[in-house]
Amino acid sequence: MNEFIEYILQFGHLNEQQIKLIEDKAKEIEIKKDDYFVEAGKVLEQVGFIFDGILRICYYNNKGEEITKIFIEENHLLYNLKNVPSTEYIQAATDAKLLVISNADWKEISDTIIGWEHIIQKITNKSLAKKLERVSPLISQDATTRYLEFMEKYPFLVNRIPLKYIASYLGITQQSLSRIRKNIR
């Protein structure tokens, strides 16, 4: 819980009563590696904050191949407050611990805490900027360069998640990734 409160306080101020409201609405859950936080076609009915572990957003292309779109590590929020079914899967790439708040409780927090929406907007803007920074260069690079940049941008992920997820993210086969890793050692 402390991790979440500290994270929120980076983006705005909360008094003790507001912090207590958030603490009363939140609960901790664990997701085992390869289990889903939400599946495609289902509505994400809670907001999640990752305080331990790595999740990934993935989907299946028209050939049935699993594609990893992005990795989400500690100190990130996951939410879809529009109440529409997800078009992608959010899956644990490692065992993970999250703090979750139901969408209804999140709305109550938003309605109660003046400035909450402003705090969440700052968090969203920061996350989008970081996502663009990570994804944009991958489009025009060869596989080795993509892997080297992946290691530079995600140094804490390389040895924590399965190679098949990294290969999927980079748009290459696991065998190609193994060859690349062997050649750069």
N, C-alpha and C. Protein backbone atom coordinates (compact mmCIF):
# COMPACT_ATOMS: atom_id res chain seq x y z
N MET A 1 0.82 -1.20 0.00
CA MET A 1 0.00 0.00 0.00
C MET A 1 0.86 1.26 0.00
N ASN A 2 1.93 1.24 0.78
CA ASN A 2 2.80 2.42 0.86
C ASN A 2 3.35 2.80 -0.50
N GLU A 3 3.70 1.79 -1.32
CA GLU A 3 4.24 2.05 -2.65
C GLU A 3 3.26 2.87 -3.48
N PHE A 4 1.97 2.49 -3.40
CA PHE A 4 0.95 3.17 -4.18
C PHE A 4 0.77 4.62 -3.71
N ILE A 5 0.69 4.81 -2.40
CA ILE A 5 0.51 6.16 -1.86
C ILE A 5 1.71 7.03 -2.23
N GLU A 6 2.93 6.50 -2.09
CA GLU A 6 4.13 7.26 -2.46
C GLU A 6 4.11 7.62 -3.94
N TYR A 7 3.66 6.68 -4.76
CA TYR A 7 3.57 6.90 -6.20
C TYR A 7 2.60 8.05 -6.50
N ILE A 8 1.41 7.99 -5.93
CA ILE A 8 0.39 9.02 -6.15
C ILE A 8 0.89 10.39 -5.68
N LEU A 9 1.58 10.41 -4.54
CA LEU A 9 2.04 11.68 -3.98
C LEU A 9 3.10 12.38 -4.84
N GLN A 10 3.68 11.65 -5.80
CA GLN A 10 4.61 12.28 -6.74
C GLN A 10 3.87 13.23 -7.69
N PHE A 11 2.57 13.03 -7.83
CA PHE A 11 1.79 13.77 -8.81
C PHE A 11 0.80 14.77 -8.20
N GLY A 12 0.69 14.77 -6.89
CA GLY A 12 -0.23 15.70 -6.23
C GLY A 12 -0.25 15.47 -4.73
N HIS A 13 -0.97 16.31 -4.03
CA HIS A 13 -1.02 16.24 -2.57
C HIS A 13 -2.31 15.56 -2.11
N LEU A 14 -2.20 14.74 -1.07
CA LEU A 14 -3.35 14.13 -0.41
C LEU A 14 -3.22 14.34 1.09
N ASN A 15 -4.35 14.60 1.74
CA ASN A 15 -4.30 14.69 3.20
C ASN A 15 -4.54 13.30 3.82
N GLU A 16 -4.41 13.20 5.11
CA GLU A 16 -4.53 11.91 5.79
C GLU A 16 -5.89 11.25 5.56
N GLN A 17 -6.95 12.05 5.57
CA GLN A 17 -8.30 11.51 5.36
C GLN A 17 -8.43 10.93 3.95
N GLN A 18 -7.87 11.60 2.96
CA GLN A 18 -7.93 11.11 1.58
C GLN A 18 -7.12 9.82 1.43
N ILE A 19 -5.96 9.78 2.06
CA ILE A 19 -5.13 8.57 2.02
C ILE A 19 -5.88 7.42 2.67
N LYS A 20 -6.55 7.68 3.77
CA LYS A 20 -7.32 6.62 4.47
C LYS A 20 -8.43 6.09 3.57
N LEU A 21 -9.11 6.98 2.84
CA LEU A 21 -10.16 6.56 1.91
C LEU A 21 -9.59 5.59 0.88
N ILE A 22 -8.45 5.94 0.30
CA ILE A 22 -7.81 5.07 -0.70
C ILE A 22 -7.43 3.74 -0.08
N GLU A 23 -6.83 3.78 1.09
CA GLU A 23 -6.41 2.54 1.77
C GLU A 23 -7.61 1.63 2.06
N ASP A 24 -8.75 2.23 2.42
CA ASP A 24 -9.95 1.44 2.72
C ASP A 24 -10.53 0.77 1.49
N LYS A 25 -10.31 1.35 0.33
CA LYS A 25 -10.88 0.82 -0.92
C LYS A 25 -9.97 -0.19 -1.61
N ALA A 26 -8.70 -0.19 -1.28
CA ALA A 26 -7.71 -1.02 -2.00
C ALA A 26 -7.50 -2.36 -1.32
N LYS A 27 -7.15 -3.36 -2.13
CA LYS A 27 -6.76 -4.65 -1.59
C LYS A 27 -5.60 -5.20 -2.43
N GLU A 28 -4.80 -6.03 -1.81
CA GLU A 28 -3.67 -6.63 -2.51
C GLU A 28 -4.08 -7.99 -3.08
N ILE A 29 -3.61 -8.25 -4.29
CA ILE A 29 -3.82 -9.56 -4.91
C ILE A 29 -2.51 -10.06 -5.48
N GLU A 30 -2.42 -11.35 -5.72
CA GLU A 30 -1.27 -11.95 -6.39
C GLU A 30 -1.75 -12.60 -7.67
N ILE A 31 -0.95 -12.46 -8.70
CA ILE A 31 -1.23 -13.11 -9.98
C ILE A 31 -0.02 -13.98 -10.30
N LYS A 32 -0.26 -15.24 -10.53
CA LYS A 32 0.83 -16.16 -10.87
C LYS A 32 1.27 -15.95 -12.31
N LYS A 33 2.53 -16.23 -12.57
CA LYS A 33 3.09 -16.12 -13.92
C LYS A 33 2.16 -16.85 -14.91
N ASP A 34 1.91 -16.22 -16.02
CA ASP A 34 1.07 -16.69 -17.13
C ASP A 34 -0.43 -16.56 -16.89
N ASP A 35 -0.86 -16.17 -15.67
CA ASP A 35 -2.28 -15.92 -15.44
C ASP A 35 -2.63 -14.52 -15.96
N TYR A 36 -3.91 -14.29 -16.17
CA TYR A 36 -4.36 -13.04 -16.77
C TYR A 36 -4.93 -12.09 -15.72
N PHE A 37 -4.60 -10.80 -15.87
CA PHE A 37 -5.26 -9.75 -15.09
C PHE A 37 -6.59 -9.44 -15.76
N VAL A 38 -6.60 -9.44 -17.09
CA VAL A 38 -7.84 -9.34 -17.87
C VAL A 38 -7.60 -10.04 -19.21
N GLU A 39 -8.67 -10.66 -19.74
CA GLU A 39 -8.58 -11.33 -21.03
C GLU A 39 -9.30 -10.49 -22.08
N ALA A 40 -8.87 -10.66 -23.32
CA ALA A 40 -9.53 -9.97 -24.43
C ALA A 40 -11.01 -10.35 -24.43
N GLY A 41 -11.86 -9.35 -24.69
CA GLY A 41 -13.29 -9.60 -24.72
C GLY A 41 -13.98 -9.39 -23.38
N LYS A 42 -13.20 -9.23 -22.32
CA LYS A 42 -13.77 -9.01 -20.99
C LYS A 42 -13.50 -7.59 -20.54
N VAL A 43 -14.36 -7.09 -19.68
CA VAL A 43 -14.23 -5.73 -19.16
C VAL A 43 -13.29 -5.76 -17.94
N LEU A 44 -12.32 -4.87 -17.94
CA LEU A 44 -11.44 -4.71 -16.77
C LEU A 44 -12.24 -3.98 -15.71
N GLU A 45 -12.60 -4.67 -14.65
CA GLU A 45 -13.51 -4.12 -13.65
C GLU A 45 -12.79 -3.54 -12.43
N GLN A 46 -11.48 -3.39 -12.55
CA GLN A 46 -10.73 -2.83 -11.43
C GLN A 46 -9.50 -2.10 -11.95
N VAL A 47 -9.04 -1.18 -11.15
CA VAL A 47 -7.79 -0.49 -11.42
C VAL A 47 -6.71 -1.26 -10.68
N GLY A 48 -5.58 -1.46 -11.32
CA GLY A 48 -4.48 -2.18 -10.68
C GLY A 48 -3.23 -1.33 -10.64
N PHE A 49 -2.47 -1.50 -9.57
CA PHE A 49 -1.17 -0.85 -9.43
C PHE A 49 -0.17 -1.96 -9.15
N ILE A 50 0.81 -2.11 -10.03
CA ILE A 50 1.81 -3.17 -9.88
C ILE A 50 2.86 -2.72 -8.88
N PHE A 51 3.01 -3.46 -7.79
CA PHE A 51 4.10 -3.11 -6.88
C PHE A 51 5.16 -4.19 -6.83
N ASP A 52 4.93 -5.32 -7.47
CA ASP A 52 5.98 -6.33 -7.61
C ASP A 52 5.65 -7.21 -8.81
N GLY A 53 6.59 -7.35 -9.73
CA GLY A 53 6.39 -8.22 -10.88
C GLY A 53 6.24 -7.45 -12.17
N ILE A 54 6.04 -8.21 -13.24
CA ILE A 54 5.94 -7.64 -14.59
C ILE A 54 4.73 -8.24 -15.28
N LEU A 55 3.93 -7.38 -15.89
CA LEU A 55 2.83 -7.81 -16.71
C LEU A 55 3.12 -7.43 -18.15
N ARG A 56 2.42 -8.04 -19.06
CA ARG A 56 2.58 -7.69 -20.47
C ARG A 56 1.21 -7.56 -21.10
N ILE A 57 1.12 -6.70 -22.09
CA ILE A 57 -0.09 -6.57 -22.88
C ILE A 57 0.19 -7.29 -24.19
N CYS A 58 -0.70 -8.23 -24.53
CA CYS A 58 -0.48 -9.02 -25.74
C CYS A 58 -1.81 -9.27 -26.47
N TYR A 59 -1.67 -9.73 -27.70
CA TYR A 59 -2.84 -10.06 -28.51
C TYR A 59 -2.42 -11.14 -29.50
N TYR A 60 -3.39 -11.67 -30.23
CA TYR A 60 -3.12 -12.66 -31.27
C TYR A 60 -3.40 -12.01 -32.62
N ASN A 61 -2.43 -12.16 -33.55
CA ASN A 61 -2.65 -11.59 -34.88
C ASN A 61 -3.54 -12.52 -35.70
N ASN A 62 -3.80 -12.15 -36.96
CA ASN A 62 -4.71 -12.93 -37.79
C ASN A 62 -4.17 -14.31 -38.18
N LYS A 63 -2.88 -14.58 -37.88
CA LYS A 63 -2.30 -15.90 -38.12
C LYS A 63 -2.33 -16.74 -36.85
N GLY A 64 -2.87 -16.17 -35.76
CA GLY A 64 -2.93 -16.89 -34.49
C GLY A 64 -1.64 -16.80 -33.69
N GLU A 65 -0.73 -15.93 -34.11
CA GLU A 65 0.55 -15.78 -33.41
C GLU A 65 0.37 -14.79 -32.26
N GLU A 66 0.96 -15.13 -31.14
CA GLU A 66 0.89 -14.26 -29.97
C GLU A 66 1.91 -13.13 -30.12
N ILE A 67 1.46 -11.90 -29.95
CA ILE A 67 2.31 -10.72 -30.09
C ILE A 67 2.32 -9.95 -28.77
N THR A 68 3.51 -9.71 -28.23
CA THR A 68 3.63 -8.89 -27.03
C THR A 68 3.75 -7.45 -27.47
N LYS A 69 2.84 -6.62 -26.97
CA LYS A 69 2.80 -5.21 -27.36
C LYS A 69 3.69 -4.37 -26.45
N ILE A 70 3.64 -4.63 -25.13
CA ILE A 70 4.42 -3.83 -24.19
C ILE A 70 4.53 -4.57 -22.86
N PHE A 71 5.56 -4.27 -22.12
CA PHE A 71 5.74 -4.79 -20.77
C PHE A 71 5.43 -3.67 -19.78
N ILE A 72 4.84 -4.05 -18.67
CA ILE A 72 4.50 -3.08 -17.63
C ILE A 72 5.12 -3.57 -16.33
N GLU A 73 6.00 -2.76 -15.78
CA GLU A 73 6.72 -3.17 -14.58
C GLU A 73 6.19 -2.45 -13.35
N GLU A 74 6.89 -2.60 -12.26
CA GLU A 74 6.49 -2.01 -10.99
C GLU A 74 6.23 -0.51 -11.12
N ASN A 75 5.35 -0.04 -10.24
CA ASN A 75 4.98 1.38 -10.15
C ASN A 75 4.26 1.89 -11.39
N HIS A 76 3.35 1.07 -11.90
CA HIS A 76 2.50 1.48 -13.02
C HIS A 76 1.04 1.14 -12.73
N LEU A 77 0.17 1.99 -13.20
CA LEU A 77 -1.28 1.78 -13.08
C LEU A 77 -1.83 1.09 -14.31
N LEU A 78 -2.82 0.24 -14.12
CA LEU A 78 -3.55 -0.41 -15.21
C LEU A 78 -5.02 -0.08 -15.01
N TYR A 79 -5.64 0.54 -16.00
CA TYR A 79 -7.05 0.84 -15.85
C TYR A 79 -7.73 1.05 -17.19
N ASN A 80 -9.01 0.80 -17.20
CA ASN A 80 -9.89 1.07 -18.33
C ASN A 80 -11.23 1.41 -17.72
N LEU A 81 -11.45 2.67 -17.49
CA LEU A 81 -12.66 3.10 -16.79
C LEU A 81 -13.85 3.29 -17.72
N LYS A 82 -13.70 2.96 -19.00
CA LYS A 82 -14.78 3.16 -19.97
C LYS A 82 -15.79 2.01 -19.96
N ASN A 83 -15.51 0.96 -19.21
CA ASN A 83 -16.40 -0.19 -19.11
C ASN A 83 -16.66 -0.85 -20.46
N VAL A 84 -15.65 -0.89 -21.31
CA VAL A 84 -15.76 -1.58 -22.59
C VAL A 84 -14.84 -2.80 -22.56
N PRO A 85 -15.20 -3.85 -23.29
CA PRO A 85 -14.35 -5.04 -23.29
C PRO A 85 -12.95 -4.74 -23.82
N SER A 86 -11.98 -5.37 -23.21
CA SER A 86 -10.59 -5.21 -23.61
C SER A 86 -10.37 -5.87 -24.97
N THR A 87 -9.53 -5.27 -25.79
CA THR A 87 -9.19 -5.87 -27.08
C THR A 87 -7.90 -6.68 -26.97
N GLU A 88 -7.26 -6.61 -25.79
CA GLU A 88 -5.98 -7.29 -25.59
C GLU A 88 -6.00 -8.04 -24.25
N TYR A 89 -4.99 -8.87 -24.08
CA TYR A 89 -4.81 -9.59 -22.83
C TYR A 89 -3.79 -8.84 -21.98
N ILE A 90 -4.00 -8.83 -20.69
CA ILE A 90 -2.97 -8.36 -19.76
C ILE A 90 -2.62 -9.59 -18.92
N GLN A 91 -1.38 -10.05 -19.09
CA GLN A 91 -0.93 -11.31 -18.52
C GLN A 91 0.31 -11.10 -17.67
N ALA A 92 0.40 -11.87 -16.60
CA ALA A 92 1.59 -11.81 -15.75
C ALA A 92 2.76 -12.50 -16.46
N ALA A 93 3.83 -11.74 -16.71
CA ALA A 93 5.04 -12.31 -17.31
C ALA A 93 5.91 -12.94 -16.22
N THR A 94 5.70 -12.51 -14.98
CA THR A 94 6.34 -13.09 -13.79
C THR A 94 5.24 -13.17 -12.73
N ASP A 95 5.51 -13.84 -11.63
CA ASP A 95 4.59 -13.74 -10.50
C ASP A 95 4.49 -12.25 -10.17
N ALA A 96 3.29 -11.79 -9.84
CA ALA A 96 3.11 -10.35 -9.61
C ALA A 96 2.19 -10.10 -8.42
N LYS A 97 2.44 -8.96 -7.79
CA LYS A 97 1.57 -8.50 -6.70
C LYS A 97 1.04 -7.13 -7.10
N LEU A 98 -0.26 -6.98 -6.97
CA LEU A 98 -0.92 -5.74 -7.35
C LEU A 98 -1.81 -5.25 -6.23
N LEU A 99 -2.00 -3.97 -6.23
CA LEU A 99 -3.00 -3.34 -5.40
C LEU A 99 -4.17 -3.08 -6.34
N VAL A 100 -5.38 -3.49 -5.99
CA VAL A 100 -6.52 -3.28 -6.88
C VAL A 100 -7.63 -2.52 -6.17
N ILE A 101 -8.32 -1.72 -6.95
CA ILE A 101 -9.47 -0.94 -6.49
C ILE A 101 -10.55 -1.13 -7.54
N SER A 102 -11.74 -1.52 -7.13
CA SER A 102 -12.83 -1.71 -8.11
C SER A 102 -13.11 -0.39 -8.82
N ASN A 103 -13.63 -0.50 -10.03
CA ASN A 103 -13.95 0.71 -10.79
C ASN A 103 -14.96 1.58 -10.03
N ALA A 104 -15.92 0.95 -9.35
CA ALA A 104 -16.91 1.71 -8.58
C ALA A 104 -16.24 2.47 -7.44
N ASP A 105 -15.32 1.80 -6.73
CA ASP A 105 -14.61 2.47 -5.64
C ASP A 105 -13.68 3.56 -6.19
N TRP A 106 -13.09 3.32 -7.36
CA TRP A 106 -12.23 4.33 -7.99
C TRP A 106 -13.05 5.59 -8.31
N LYS A 107 -14.29 5.37 -8.80
CA LYS A 107 -15.16 6.50 -9.09
C LYS A 107 -15.50 7.25 -7.80
N GLU A 108 -15.75 6.50 -6.74
CA GLU A 108 -16.04 7.15 -5.45
C GLU A 108 -14.84 7.99 -4.99
N ILE A 109 -13.65 7.44 -5.14
CA ILE A 109 -12.43 8.19 -4.78
C ILE A 109 -12.35 9.47 -5.63
N SER A 110 -12.61 9.31 -6.93
CA SER A 110 -12.56 10.45 -7.85
C SER A 110 -13.60 11.52 -7.49
N ASP A 111 -14.79 11.06 -7.10
CA ASP A 111 -15.86 12.00 -6.74
C ASP A 111 -15.60 12.68 -5.40
N THR A 112 -14.82 12.04 -4.53
CA THR A 112 -14.59 12.53 -3.17
C THR A 112 -13.36 13.43 -3.07
N ILE A 113 -12.28 13.05 -3.75
CA ILE A 113 -11.02 13.77 -3.62
C ILE A 113 -10.93 14.84 -4.71
N ILE A 114 -10.96 16.08 -4.28
CA ILE A 114 -10.82 17.19 -5.23
C ILE A 114 -9.41 17.15 -5.80
N GLY A 115 -9.31 17.21 -7.10
CA GLY A 115 -8.00 17.17 -7.76
C GLY A 115 -7.54 15.77 -8.14
N TRP A 116 -8.31 14.73 -7.82
CA TRP A 116 -7.92 13.35 -8.15
C TRP A 116 -7.76 13.17 -9.65
N GLU A 117 -8.71 13.68 -10.43
CA GLU A 117 -8.64 13.55 -11.88
C GLU A 117 -7.37 14.21 -12.44
N HIS A 118 -6.98 15.33 -11.84
CA HIS A 118 -5.76 16.02 -12.28
C HIS A 118 -4.53 15.15 -11.99
N ILE A 119 -4.51 14.52 -10.84
CA ILE A 119 -3.40 13.61 -10.48
C ILE A 119 -3.33 12.47 -11.49
N ILE A 120 -4.48 11.86 -11.77
CA ILE A 120 -4.52 10.72 -12.70
C ILE A 120 -4.14 11.16 -14.11
N GLN A 121 -4.52 12.36 -14.51
CA GLN A 121 -4.13 12.87 -15.83
C GLN A 121 -2.62 13.02 -15.93
N LYS A 122 -1.98 13.50 -14.88
CA LYS A 122 -0.51 13.62 -14.88
C LYS A 122 0.14 12.24 -15.01
N ILE A 123 -0.41 11.25 -14.30
CA ILE A 123 0.12 9.88 -14.37
C ILE A 123 -0.04 9.34 -15.79
N THR A 124 -1.22 9.54 -16.37
CA THR A 124 -1.50 9.06 -17.73
C THR A 124 -0.56 9.70 -18.74
N ASN A 125 -0.36 11.00 -18.64
CA ASN A 125 0.54 11.70 -19.57
C ASN A 125 1.96 11.15 -19.48
N LYS A 126 2.43 10.94 -18.26
CA LYS A 126 3.78 10.41 -18.08
C LYS A 126 3.90 9.01 -18.68
N SER A 127 2.88 8.17 -18.46
CA SER A 127 2.89 6.80 -18.99
C SER A 127 2.87 6.78 -20.51
N LEU A 128 2.06 7.64 -21.11
CA LEU A 128 2.00 7.69 -22.57
C LEU A 128 3.33 8.14 -23.17
N ALA A 129 3.94 9.13 -22.56
CA ALA A 129 5.24 9.61 -23.06
C ALA A 129 6.29 8.50 -22.98
N LYS A 130 6.29 7.78 -21.89
CA LYS A 130 7.25 6.68 -21.70
C LYS A 130 6.98 5.56 -22.72
N LYS A 131 5.72 5.25 -22.94
CA LYS A 131 5.35 4.21 -23.90
C LYS A 131 5.82 4.57 -25.31
N LEU A 132 5.58 5.81 -25.71
CA LEU A 132 6.02 6.26 -27.04
C LEU A 132 7.54 6.22 -27.17
N GLU A 133 8.22 6.61 -26.13
CA GLU A 133 9.68 6.59 -26.13
C GLU A 133 10.21 5.18 -26.34
N ARG A 134 9.53 4.20 -25.77
CA ARG A 134 9.99 2.81 -25.86
C ARG A 134 9.61 2.15 -27.17
N VAL A 135 8.43 2.45 -27.70
CA VAL A 135 7.91 1.72 -28.85
C VAL A 135 8.37 2.29 -30.18
N SER A 136 8.37 3.58 -30.34
CA SER A 136 8.63 4.21 -31.64
C SER A 136 9.88 3.72 -32.36
N PRO A 137 11.07 3.66 -31.72
CA PRO A 137 12.26 3.26 -32.45
C PRO A 137 12.25 1.81 -32.95
N LEU A 138 11.44 0.96 -32.33
CA LEU A 138 11.45 -0.46 -32.70
C LEU A 138 11.01 -0.70 -34.14
N ILE A 139 10.23 0.19 -34.68
CA ILE A 139 9.62 -0.04 -35.98
C ILE A 139 10.65 -0.12 -37.11
N SER A 140 11.68 0.70 -37.07
CA SER A 140 12.58 0.83 -38.22
C SER A 140 13.94 0.16 -38.03
N GLN A 141 14.11 -0.66 -37.00
CA GLN A 141 15.43 -1.22 -36.72
C GLN A 141 15.52 -2.71 -37.04
N ASP A 142 16.77 -3.17 -37.28
CA ASP A 142 16.96 -4.60 -37.45
C ASP A 142 16.85 -5.28 -36.09
N ALA A 143 16.74 -6.61 -36.09
CA ALA A 143 16.47 -7.38 -34.87
C ALA A 143 17.56 -7.20 -33.81
N THR A 144 18.82 -7.18 -34.20
CA THR A 144 19.91 -7.04 -33.23
C THR A 144 19.83 -5.68 -32.56
N THR A 145 19.61 -4.63 -33.34
CA THR A 145 19.50 -3.29 -32.78
C THR A 145 18.31 -3.19 -31.85
N ARG A 146 17.18 -3.81 -32.25
CA ARG A 146 15.99 -3.80 -31.39
C ARG A 146 16.28 -4.47 -30.06
N TYR A 147 17.00 -5.61 -30.10
CA TYR A 147 17.32 -6.31 -28.86
C TYR A 147 18.27 -5.47 -27.99
N LEU A 148 19.27 -4.87 -28.60
CA LEU A 148 20.21 -4.05 -27.83
C LEU A 148 19.49 -2.87 -27.19
N GLU A 149 18.58 -2.25 -27.92
CA GLU A 149 17.80 -1.14 -27.35
C GLU A 149 16.86 -1.65 -26.26
N PHE A 150 16.30 -2.84 -26.46
CA PHE A 150 15.45 -3.43 -25.42
C PHE A 150 16.24 -3.60 -24.13
N MET A 151 17.46 -4.12 -24.25
CA MET A 151 18.31 -4.32 -23.05
C MET A 151 18.64 -2.98 -22.40
N GLU A 152 18.80 -1.95 -23.21
CA GLU A 152 19.12 -0.63 -22.66
C GLU A 152 17.91 -0.01 -21.96
N LYS A 153 16.73 -0.17 -22.56
CA LYS A 153 15.53 0.45 -22.00
C LYS A 153 14.89 -0.38 -20.89
N TYR A 154 15.06 -1.69 -20.95
CA TYR A 154 14.47 -2.59 -19.96
C TYR A 154 15.55 -3.46 -19.30
N PRO A 155 16.62 -2.89 -18.77
CA PRO A 155 17.70 -3.74 -18.24
C PRO A 155 17.24 -4.66 -17.11
N PHE A 156 16.23 -4.26 -16.39
CA PHE A 156 15.72 -5.03 -15.26
C PHE A 156 14.78 -6.15 -15.70
N LEU A 157 14.41 -6.19 -16.98
CA LEU A 157 13.49 -7.23 -17.47
C LEU A 157 14.20 -8.41 -18.11
N VAL A 158 15.34 -8.16 -18.71
CA VAL A 158 16.01 -9.16 -19.55
C VAL A 158 16.13 -10.52 -18.87
N ASN A 159 16.50 -10.55 -17.61
CA ASN A 159 16.68 -11.83 -16.91
C ASN A 159 15.50 -12.22 -16.04
N ARG A 160 14.40 -11.46 -16.14
CA ARG A 160 13.24 -11.75 -15.29
C ARG A 160 12.09 -12.39 -16.05
N ILE A 161 12.04 -12.21 -17.36
CA ILE A 161 10.89 -12.71 -18.11
C ILE A 161 11.34 -13.73 -19.16
N PRO A 162 10.43 -14.62 -19.55
CA PRO A 162 10.79 -15.65 -20.54
C PRO A 162 11.22 -15.04 -21.88
N LEU A 163 12.19 -15.68 -22.50
CA LEU A 163 12.68 -15.22 -23.80
C LEU A 163 11.58 -15.18 -24.86
N LYS A 164 10.62 -16.09 -24.77
CA LYS A 164 9.54 -16.10 -25.78
C LYS A 164 8.76 -14.78 -25.77
N TYR A 165 8.61 -14.16 -24.59
CA TYR A 165 7.91 -12.88 -24.51
C TYR A 165 8.75 -11.76 -25.10
N ILE A 166 10.05 -11.80 -24.85
CA ILE A 166 10.95 -10.79 -25.41
C ILE A 166 10.96 -10.91 -26.93
N ALA A 167 11.08 -12.14 -27.43
CA ALA A 167 11.10 -12.37 -28.88
C ALA A 167 9.80 -11.85 -29.51
N SER A 168 8.68 -12.15 -28.88
CA SER A 168 7.39 -11.70 -29.38
C SER A 168 7.32 -10.17 -29.42
N TYR A 169 7.82 -9.53 -28.39
CA TYR A 169 7.84 -8.07 -28.33
C TYR A 169 8.69 -7.49 -29.45
N LEU A 170 9.82 -8.14 -29.73
CA LEU A 170 10.75 -7.65 -30.75
C LEU A 170 10.32 -8.03 -32.17
N GLY A 171 9.31 -8.89 -32.28
CA GLY A 171 8.82 -9.29 -33.59
C GLY A 171 9.72 -10.30 -34.28
N ILE A 172 10.39 -11.15 -33.49
CA ILE A 172 11.27 -12.18 -34.04
C ILE A 172 10.96 -13.52 -33.38
N THR A 173 11.52 -14.58 -33.93
CA THR A 173 11.32 -15.89 -33.31
C THR A 173 12.25 -16.06 -32.11
N GLN A 174 11.91 -16.99 -31.27
CA GLN A 174 12.76 -17.26 -30.11
C GLN A 174 14.13 -17.78 -30.55
N GLN A 175 14.17 -18.54 -31.63
CA GLN A 175 15.45 -19.05 -32.16
C GLN A 175 16.33 -17.90 -32.63
N SER A 176 15.73 -16.93 -33.33
CA SER A 176 16.49 -15.75 -33.78
C SER A 176 17.04 -14.98 -32.59
N LEU A 177 16.23 -14.83 -31.55
CA LEU A 177 16.68 -14.13 -30.36
C LEU A 177 17.84 -14.87 -29.71
N SER A 178 17.77 -16.18 -29.65
CA SER A 178 18.88 -16.95 -29.08
C SER A 178 20.17 -16.74 -29.87
N ARG A 179 20.06 -16.70 -31.22
CA ARG A 179 21.24 -16.45 -32.05
C ARG A 179 21.81 -15.05 -31.80
N ILE A 180 20.94 -14.07 -31.72
CA ILE A 180 21.36 -12.69 -31.46
C ILE A 180 22.09 -12.61 -30.12
N ARG A 181 21.51 -13.21 -29.09
CA ARG A 181 22.10 -13.17 -27.75
C ARG A 181 23.48 -13.86 -27.77
N LYS A 182 23.59 -14.95 -28.51
CA LYS A 182 24.87 -15.68 -28.59
C LYS A 182 25.91 -14.82 -29.29
N ASN A 183 25.52 -14.10 -30.34
CA ASN A 183 26.46 -13.29 -31.11
C ASN A 183 26.92 -12.03 -30.39
N ILE A 184 26.16 -11.52 -29.45
CA ILE A 184 26.57 -10.28 -28.80
C ILE A 184 27.28 -10.53 -27.48
N ARG A 185 27.42 -11.76 -27.07
CA ARG A 185 28.12 -12.03 -25.80
C ARG A 185 29.59 -11.86 -25.92
